[in-house]
Amino acid sequence: MSSQPLESFELPTQFSHVRPQDTHYEDQGLRDFFLYRDLGIADATGGRVLAQLVKAHAAPQQGTGWHRHEADFHIVIMLKGWARFMYGDKETLVATGDCVHQAPGIVHYLFDYSEDMEYLEIVAPADFKTVGADAPCEVPAVTPWANETA
């Protein structure tokens, strides 16, 4: 049996420093009602981890729908505003400063969010899959944005 050092089995990583002016918010992410800003971590880690900023781009109408992610690790840290999620049959308000660990495979639905919502999302692996899921319960109504009620 070979006794190679552990580091010989690890994929190399690179130093990464992404400043706000280095990457821009784009509408080419998982949801068309959000904008995404890549933070360079997927490239730096050889695809092992994704870190991106996500912010509201359009008012909530249908939300994300019920789904789950095929990922080993997934956290959301709310930087601004708020979002309401269903995790299984439990409604969860995630507000500025909150951190949520979305356990692997948890069925959820992001259905409502504020106009200024912005969160940091960290997921492993970077190329995680999203799979639709059956609805475990009804989803509450969304909160209209101020410009929608005028």
C-alpha atoms as a PDB file:
ATOM      1  CA  MET A   1       0.000   0.000   0.000  1.00  0.00           C
ATOM      2  CA  SER A   2       1.329   3.425  -1.008  1.00  0.00           C
ATOM      3  CA  SER A   3       1.774   6.116   1.582  1.00  0.00           C
ATOM      4  CA  GLN A   4       1.451   9.254  -0.535  1.00  0.00           C
ATOM      5  CA  PRO A   5       1.005  12.488   1.390  1.00  0.00           C
ATOM      6  CA  LEU A   6      -2.619  13.667   1.590  1.00  0.00           C
ATOM      7  CA  GLU A   7      -1.825  16.902  -0.238  1.00  0.00           C
ATOM      8  CA  SER A   8      -0.929  14.950  -3.397  1.00  0.00           C
ATOM      9  CA  PHE A   9      -4.597  13.882  -3.675  1.00  0.00           C
ATOM     10  CA  GLU A  10      -5.982  17.395  -3.246  1.00  0.00           C
ATOM     11  CA  LEU A  11      -6.869  19.582  -6.197  1.00  0.00           C
ATOM     12  CA  PRO A  12      -4.869  22.790  -6.329  1.00  0.00           C
ATOM     13  CA  THR A  13      -6.522  26.053  -5.376  1.00  0.00           C
ATOM     14  CA  GLN A  14      -5.521  29.561  -6.296  1.00  0.00           C
ATOM     15  CA  PHE A  15      -5.420  32.870  -4.528  1.00  0.00           C
ATOM     16  CA  SER A  16      -8.396  35.006  -5.518  1.00  0.00           C
ATOM     17  CA  HIS A  17      -9.187  38.660  -4.877  1.00  0.00           C
ATOM     18  CA  VAL A  18     -12.302  40.017  -6.582  1.00  0.00           C
ATOM     19  CA  ARG A  19     -13.149  43.676  -6.035  1.00  0.00           C
ATOM     20  CA  PRO A  20     -16.587  45.188  -6.710  1.00  0.00           C
ATOM     21  CA  GLN A  21     -15.389  46.689  -9.993  1.00  0.00           C
ATOM     22  CA  ASP A  22     -13.963  43.341 -11.190  1.00  0.00           C
ATOM     23  CA  THR A  23     -17.277  41.558 -11.721  1.00  0.00           C
ATOM     24  CA  HIS A  24     -20.760  42.853 -12.395  1.00  0.00           C
ATOM     25  CA  TYR A  25     -24.264  41.668 -11.636  1.00  0.00           C
ATOM     26  CA  GLU A  26     -25.653  39.634 -14.511  1.00  0.00           C
ATOM     27  CA  ASP A  27     -29.046  38.154 -15.313  1.00  0.00           C
ATOM     28  CA  GLN A  28     -27.597  34.801 -16.315  1.00  0.00           C
ATOM     29  CA  GLY A  29     -28.153  32.799 -13.169  1.00  0.00           C
ATOM     30  CA  LEU A  30     -30.626  30.193 -12.017  1.00  0.00           C
ATOM     31  CA  ARG A  31     -33.584  32.633 -11.721  1.00  0.00           C
ATOM     32  CA  ASP A  32     -34.515  35.433 -14.145  1.00  0.00           C
ATOM     33  CA  PHE A  33     -35.925  37.616 -11.341  1.00  0.00           C
ATOM     34  CA  PHE A  34     -32.532  37.774  -9.590  1.00  0.00           C
ATOM     35  CA  LEU A  35     -29.162  39.192 -10.611  1.00  0.00           C
ATOM     36  CA  TYR A  36     -25.943  37.306  -9.837  1.00  0.00           C
ATOM     37  CA  ARG A  37     -22.390  38.502  -9.219  1.00  0.00           C
ATOM     38  CA  ASP A  38     -19.658  35.877  -9.380  1.00  0.00           C
ATOM     39  CA  LEU A  39     -16.995  36.223  -6.688  1.00  0.00           C
ATOM     40  CA  GLY A  40     -14.337  34.125  -8.460  1.00  0.00           C
ATOM     41  CA  ILE A  41     -14.331  31.281  -5.948  1.00  0.00           C
ATOM     42  CA  ALA A  42     -15.431  28.549  -8.377  1.00  0.00           C
ATOM     43  CA  ASP A  43     -12.399  29.277 -10.559  1.00  0.00           C
ATOM     44  CA  ALA A  44     -10.072  29.572  -7.561  1.00  0.00           C
ATOM     45  CA  THR A  45     -11.202  26.224  -6.112  1.00  0.00           C
ATOM     46  CA  GLY A  46     -11.328  24.246  -9.331  1.00  0.00           C
ATOM     47  CA  GLY A  47     -15.137  24.059  -9.154  1.00  0.00           C
ATOM     48  CA  ARG A  48     -15.344  22.770  -5.603  1.00  0.00           C
ATOM     49  CA  VAL A  49     -17.123  25.847  -4.193  1.00  0.00           C
ATOM     50  CA  LEU A  50     -19.341  28.582  -5.634  1.00  0.00           C
ATOM     51  CA  ALA A  51     -19.654  31.975  -3.941  1.00  0.00           C
ATOM     52  CA  GLN A  52     -21.946  34.565  -5.471  1.00  0.00           C
ATOM     53  CA  LEU A  53     -23.940  37.604  -4.538  1.00  0.00           C
ATOM     54  CA  VAL A  54     -27.628  37.422  -5.445  1.00  0.00           C
ATOM     55  CA  LYS A  55     -30.014  40.367  -5.451  1.00  0.00           C
ATOM     56  CA  ALA A  56     -33.625  41.075  -6.342  1.00  0.00           C
ATOM     57  CA  HIS A  57     -34.174  42.165  -9.946  1.00  0.00           C
ATOM     58  CA  ALA A  58     -37.960  41.932 -10.281  1.00  0.00           C
ATOM     59  CA  ALA A  59     -40.870  41.722  -7.879  1.00  0.00           C
ATOM     60  CA  PRO A  60     -41.836  38.251  -6.641  1.00  0.00           C
ATOM     61  CA  GLN A  61     -44.667  36.672  -8.576  1.00  0.00           C
ATOM     62  CA  GLN A  62     -44.254  32.910  -8.710  1.00  0.00           C
ATOM     63  CA  GLY A  63     -41.035  32.568  -6.733  1.00  0.00           C
ATOM     64  CA  THR A  64     -38.627  29.716  -7.227  1.00  0.00           C
ATOM     65  CA  GLY A  65     -41.168  26.912  -7.069  1.00  0.00           C
ATOM     66  CA  TRP A  66     -40.616  23.858  -4.882  1.00  0.00           C
ATOM     67  CA  HIS A  67     -37.160  22.375  -5.421  1.00  0.00           C
ATOM     68  CA  ARG A  68     -34.082  20.925  -3.810  1.00  0.00           C
ATOM     69  CA  HIS A  69     -30.405  21.184  -4.615  1.00  0.00           C
ATOM     70  CA  GLU A  70     -28.005  18.326  -5.128  1.00  0.00           C
ATOM     71  CA  ALA A  71     -25.174  19.885  -3.148  1.00  0.00           C
ATOM     72  CA  ASP A  72     -22.943  18.862  -0.275  1.00  0.00           C
ATOM     73  CA  PHE A  73     -23.012  22.287   1.365  1.00  0.00           C
ATOM     74  CA  HIS A  74     -25.219  25.374   0.899  1.00  0.00           C
ATOM     75  CA  ILE A  75     -25.504  28.520   2.997  1.00  0.00           C
ATOM     76  CA  VAL A  76     -27.283  31.819   2.451  1.00  0.00           C
ATOM     77  CA  ILE A  77     -26.196  34.923   4.367  1.00  0.00           C
ATOM     78  CA  MET A  78     -28.682  37.794   4.023  1.00  0.00           C
ATOM     79  CA  LEU A  79     -26.758  41.035   3.495  1.00  0.00           C
ATOM     80  CA  LYS A  80     -29.682  43.409   2.867  1.00  0.00           C
ATOM     81  CA  GLY A  81     -33.444  43.228   3.100  1.00  0.00           C
ATOM     82  CA  TRP A  82     -35.322  39.980   3.696  1.00  0.00           C
ATOM     83  CA  ALA A  83     -36.692  36.880   2.004  1.00  0.00           C
ATOM     84  CA  ARG A  84     -39.393  34.433   3.011  1.00  0.00           C
ATOM     85  CA  PHE A  85     -38.740  30.764   2.360  1.00  0.00           C
ATOM     86  CA  MET A  86     -40.693  27.610   2.893  1.00  0.00           C
ATOM     87  CA  TYR A  87     -38.421  24.842   4.191  1.00  0.00           C
ATOM     88  CA  GLY A  88     -40.644  21.803   3.982  1.00  0.00           C
ATOM     89  CA  ASP A  89     -43.893  22.943   5.600  1.00  0.00           C
ATOM     90  CA  LYS A  90     -42.228  25.650   7.754  1.00  0.00           C
ATOM     91  CA  GLU A  91     -42.229  29.327   6.762  1.00  0.00           C
ATOM     92  CA  THR A  92     -38.901  31.006   7.541  1.00  0.00           C
ATOM     93  CA  LEU A  93     -38.168  34.737   7.397  1.00  0.00           C
ATOM     94  CA  VAL A  94     -34.498  35.342   6.612  1.00  0.00           C
ATOM     95  CA  ALA A  95     -33.538  38.962   7.386  1.00  0.00           C
ATOM     96  CA  THR A  96     -30.388  41.096   7.228  1.00  0.00           C
ATOM     97  CA  GLY A  97     -27.581  39.402   9.142  1.00  0.00           C
ATOM     98  CA  ASP A  98     -29.215  35.958   9.198  1.00  0.00           C
ATOM     99  CA  CYS A  99     -27.383  32.849   8.015  1.00  0.00           C
ATOM    100  CA  VAL A 100     -29.229  29.743   6.815  1.00  0.00           C
ATOM    101  CA  HIS A 101     -27.624  26.352   6.264  1.00  0.00           C
ATOM    102  CA  GLN A 102     -29.763  24.575   3.695  1.00  0.00           C
ATOM    103  CA  ALA A 103     -29.162  20.959   4.584  1.00  0.00           C
ATOM    104  CA  PRO A 104     -28.410  18.758   1.563  1.00  0.00           C
ATOM    105  CA  GLY A 105     -31.608  17.798  -0.236  1.00  0.00           C
ATOM    106  CA  ILE A 106     -33.982  19.977   1.827  1.00  0.00           C
ATOM    107  CA  VAL A 107     -37.114  20.817  -0.172  1.00  0.00           C
ATOM    108  CA  HIS A 108     -37.671  24.559  -0.208  1.00  0.00           C
ATOM    109  CA  TYR A 109     -39.322  27.488  -1.974  1.00  0.00           C
ATOM    110  CA  LEU A 110     -38.180  31.131  -1.916  1.00  0.00           C
ATOM    111  CA  PHE A 111     -41.506  32.845  -2.493  1.00  0.00           C
ATOM    112  CA  ASP A 112     -41.227  36.436  -1.268  1.00  0.00           C
ATOM    113  CA  TYR A 113     -38.482  39.044  -0.848  1.00  0.00           C
ATOM    114  CA  SER A 114     -37.917  42.768  -0.391  1.00  0.00           C
ATOM    115  CA  GLU A 115     -36.900  45.138  -3.192  1.00  0.00           C
ATOM    116  CA  ASP A 116     -33.460  45.578  -1.602  1.00  0.00           C
ATOM    117  CA  MET A 117     -32.854  41.866  -0.934  1.00  0.00           C
ATOM    118  CA  GLU A 118     -29.246  40.828  -1.416  1.00  0.00           C
ATOM    119  CA  TYR A 119     -27.571  37.686  -0.119  1.00  0.00           C
ATOM    120  CA  LEU A 120     -24.288  35.841  -0.282  1.00  0.00           C
ATOM    121  CA  GLU A 121     -24.681  32.240  -1.403  1.00  0.00           C
ATOM    122  CA  ILE A 122     -21.939  29.650  -0.893  1.00  0.00           C
ATOM    123  CA  VAL A 123     -22.472  26.201  -2.395  1.00  0.00           C
ATOM    124  CA  ALA A 124     -20.351  23.089  -2.906  1.00  0.00           C
ATOM    125  CA  PRO A 125     -19.838  21.838  -5.495  1.00  0.00           C
ATOM    126  CA  ALA A 126     -19.976  24.874  -7.798  1.00  0.00           C
ATOM    127  CA  ASP A 127     -21.923  22.970 -10.467  1.00  0.00           C
ATOM    128  CA  PHE A 128     -24.700  21.851  -8.116  1.00  0.00           C
ATOM    129  CA  LYS A 129     -27.986  20.692  -9.647  1.00  0.00           C
ATOM    130  CA  THR A 130     -31.480  21.990  -8.912  1.00  0.00           C
ATOM    131  CA  VAL A 131     -34.324  19.470  -9.043  1.00  0.00           C
ATOM    132  CA  GLY A 132     -38.062  20.221  -8.906  1.00  0.00           C
ATOM    133  CA  ALA A 133     -39.965  18.759  -5.957  1.00  0.00           C
ATOM    134  CA  ASP A 134     -43.557  18.034  -4.948  1.00  0.00           C
ATOM    135  CA  ALA A 135     -45.245  20.678  -2.807  1.00  0.00           C
ATOM    136  CA  PRO A 136     -45.506  19.590   0.841  1.00  0.00           C
ATOM    137  CA  CYS A 137     -47.943  22.453   1.608  1.00  0.00           C
ATOM    138  CA  GLU A 138     -49.527  25.681   0.378  1.00  0.00           C
ATOM    139  CA  VAL A 139     -47.342  28.778   0.001  1.00  0.00           C
ATOM    140  CA  PRO A 140     -48.403  32.122   1.577  1.00  0.00           C
ATOM    141  CA  ALA A 141     -49.079  35.194  -0.570  1.00  0.00           C
ATOM    142  CA  VAL A 142     -46.275  37.573  -1.525  1.00  0.00           C
ATOM    143  CA  THR A 143     -45.887  41.126  -0.218  1.00  0.00           C
ATOM    144  CA  PRO A 144     -46.424  43.627  -3.082  1.00  0.00           C
ATOM    145  CA  TRP A 145     -43.589  46.085  -3.693  1.00  0.00           C
ATOM    146  CA  ALA A 146     -44.416  49.787  -3.225  1.00  0.00           C
ATOM    147  CA  ASN A 147     -44.189  50.522  -6.960  1.00  0.00           C
ATOM    148  CA  GLU A 148     -46.696  47.732  -7.692  1.00  0.00           C
ATOM    149  CA  THR A 149     -49.443  49.225  -5.517  1.00  0.00           C
ATOM    150  CA  ALA A 150     -49.173  52.804  -6.841  1.00  0.00           C
END
